[in-house]
Protein backbone atom coordinates (compact mmCIF):
# COMPACT_ATOMS: atom_id res chain seq x y z
CA ILE A 1 47.80 19.82 45.06
CA GLU A 2 49.44 17.89 42.26
CA VAL A 3 50.28 19.27 38.81
CA TYR A 4 50.81 17.12 35.73
CA GLU A 5 51.40 17.56 32.03
CA LEU A 6 49.29 15.07 30.20
CA ARG A 7 49.89 14.03 26.56
CA LEU A 8 47.26 12.25 24.55
CA SER A 9 48.14 10.55 21.28
CA PRO A 10 46.10 11.75 18.19
CA ARG A 11 42.53 10.53 18.78
CA GLY A 12 43.69 8.84 21.97
CA SER A 13 41.78 8.71 25.21
CA HIS A 14 42.29 8.01 28.92
CA GLN A 15 39.50 7.02 31.35
CA SER A 16 39.92 7.90 34.98
CA GLU A 17 38.14 6.27 37.83
CA PRO A 18 36.53 8.63 40.44
CA HIS A 19 39.01 10.24 42.95
CA SER A 20 38.15 10.59 46.63
CA LYS A 21 35.10 12.72 47.49
CA GLY A 22 35.93 16.40 47.21
CA THR A 23 38.74 16.09 44.78
CA THR A 24 38.72 18.66 41.94
CA GLU A 25 40.66 19.05 38.69
CA THR A 26 41.52 22.09 36.60
CA LEU A 27 42.63 21.34 33.06
CA ILE A 28 44.26 23.76 30.65
CA VAL A 29 44.54 22.66 27.00
CA LEU A 30 48.06 23.63 25.86
CA THR A 31 47.81 22.19 22.34
CA GLY A 32 45.18 20.27 20.41
CA ALA A 33 41.52 19.79 21.08
CA LEU A 34 39.84 17.75 23.85
CA ARG A 35 36.47 16.30 24.62
CA MET A 36 36.18 16.08 28.40
CA THR A 37 33.45 13.78 29.78
CA VAL A 38 32.64 14.24 33.49
CA GLY A 39 30.03 11.82 34.73
CA GLU A 40 27.20 12.23 32.08
CA GLU A 41 28.31 15.65 30.69
CA SER A 42 30.68 16.22 27.76
CA PHE A 43 32.58 19.44 26.94
CA GLU A 44 34.48 20.30 23.81
CA LEU A 45 37.71 22.26 24.50
CA ALA A 46 40.30 23.84 22.23
CA THR A 47 43.82 25.18 22.73
CA GLY A 48 43.74 27.80 25.50
CA ASP A 49 40.43 26.55 27.05
CA THR A 50 40.19 25.64 30.70
CA ILE A 51 37.81 23.57 32.69
CA PHE A 52 37.25 23.03 36.41
CA PHE A 53 35.33 20.04 37.67
CA ASN A 54 34.65 17.70 40.62
CA ALA A 55 36.76 14.63 39.94
CA ASP A 56 34.92 12.38 42.35
CA VAL A 57 33.02 10.83 39.39
CA PRO A 58 34.26 8.81 36.42
CA HIS A 59 35.90 11.10 33.82
CA ILE A 60 37.33 10.61 30.37
CA TYR A 61 39.91 12.69 28.38
CA GLU A 62 39.60 12.17 24.55
CA SER A 63 41.94 13.84 22.04
CA ARG A 64 39.97 15.27 19.13
CA SER A 65 43.12 16.22 17.19
CA SER A 66 45.19 14.69 14.46
CA HIS A 67 48.32 15.55 16.37
CA PRO A 68 49.14 15.08 20.09
CA THR A 69 47.01 16.88 22.68
CA ARG A 70 48.85 18.40 25.67
CA LEU A 71 47.14 19.35 28.84
CA LEU A 72 48.11 20.85 32.18
CA ASN A 73 46.20 19.12 34.92
CA VAL A 74 45.94 20.51 38.43
CA ILE A 75 44.45 18.16 40.99
CA GLY A 76 43.20 19.50 44.29
CA TYR A 77 42.64 17.06 47.10
CA PRO A 78 40.34 17.74 50.11
CA ARG A 79 41.91 18.51 53.43
CA THR A 80 41.62 15.80 55.91
């Protein structure tokens, strides 16, 4: 498991390539608003919202705020 604090600039975005099969992410929006696109699905999240998803598909984090968006990102890797 890895834990990161992500910071997106206002209206900024980050595209992530698929992780290895079985990898998951849990995101907690600490401040701001986020559109999270996982594969072909998009989700609108606000401060305090959480999302859990399979991260072995392309995924995009997009700030929907006029101020920085901060996220806590917990990545779980499959056991080998």
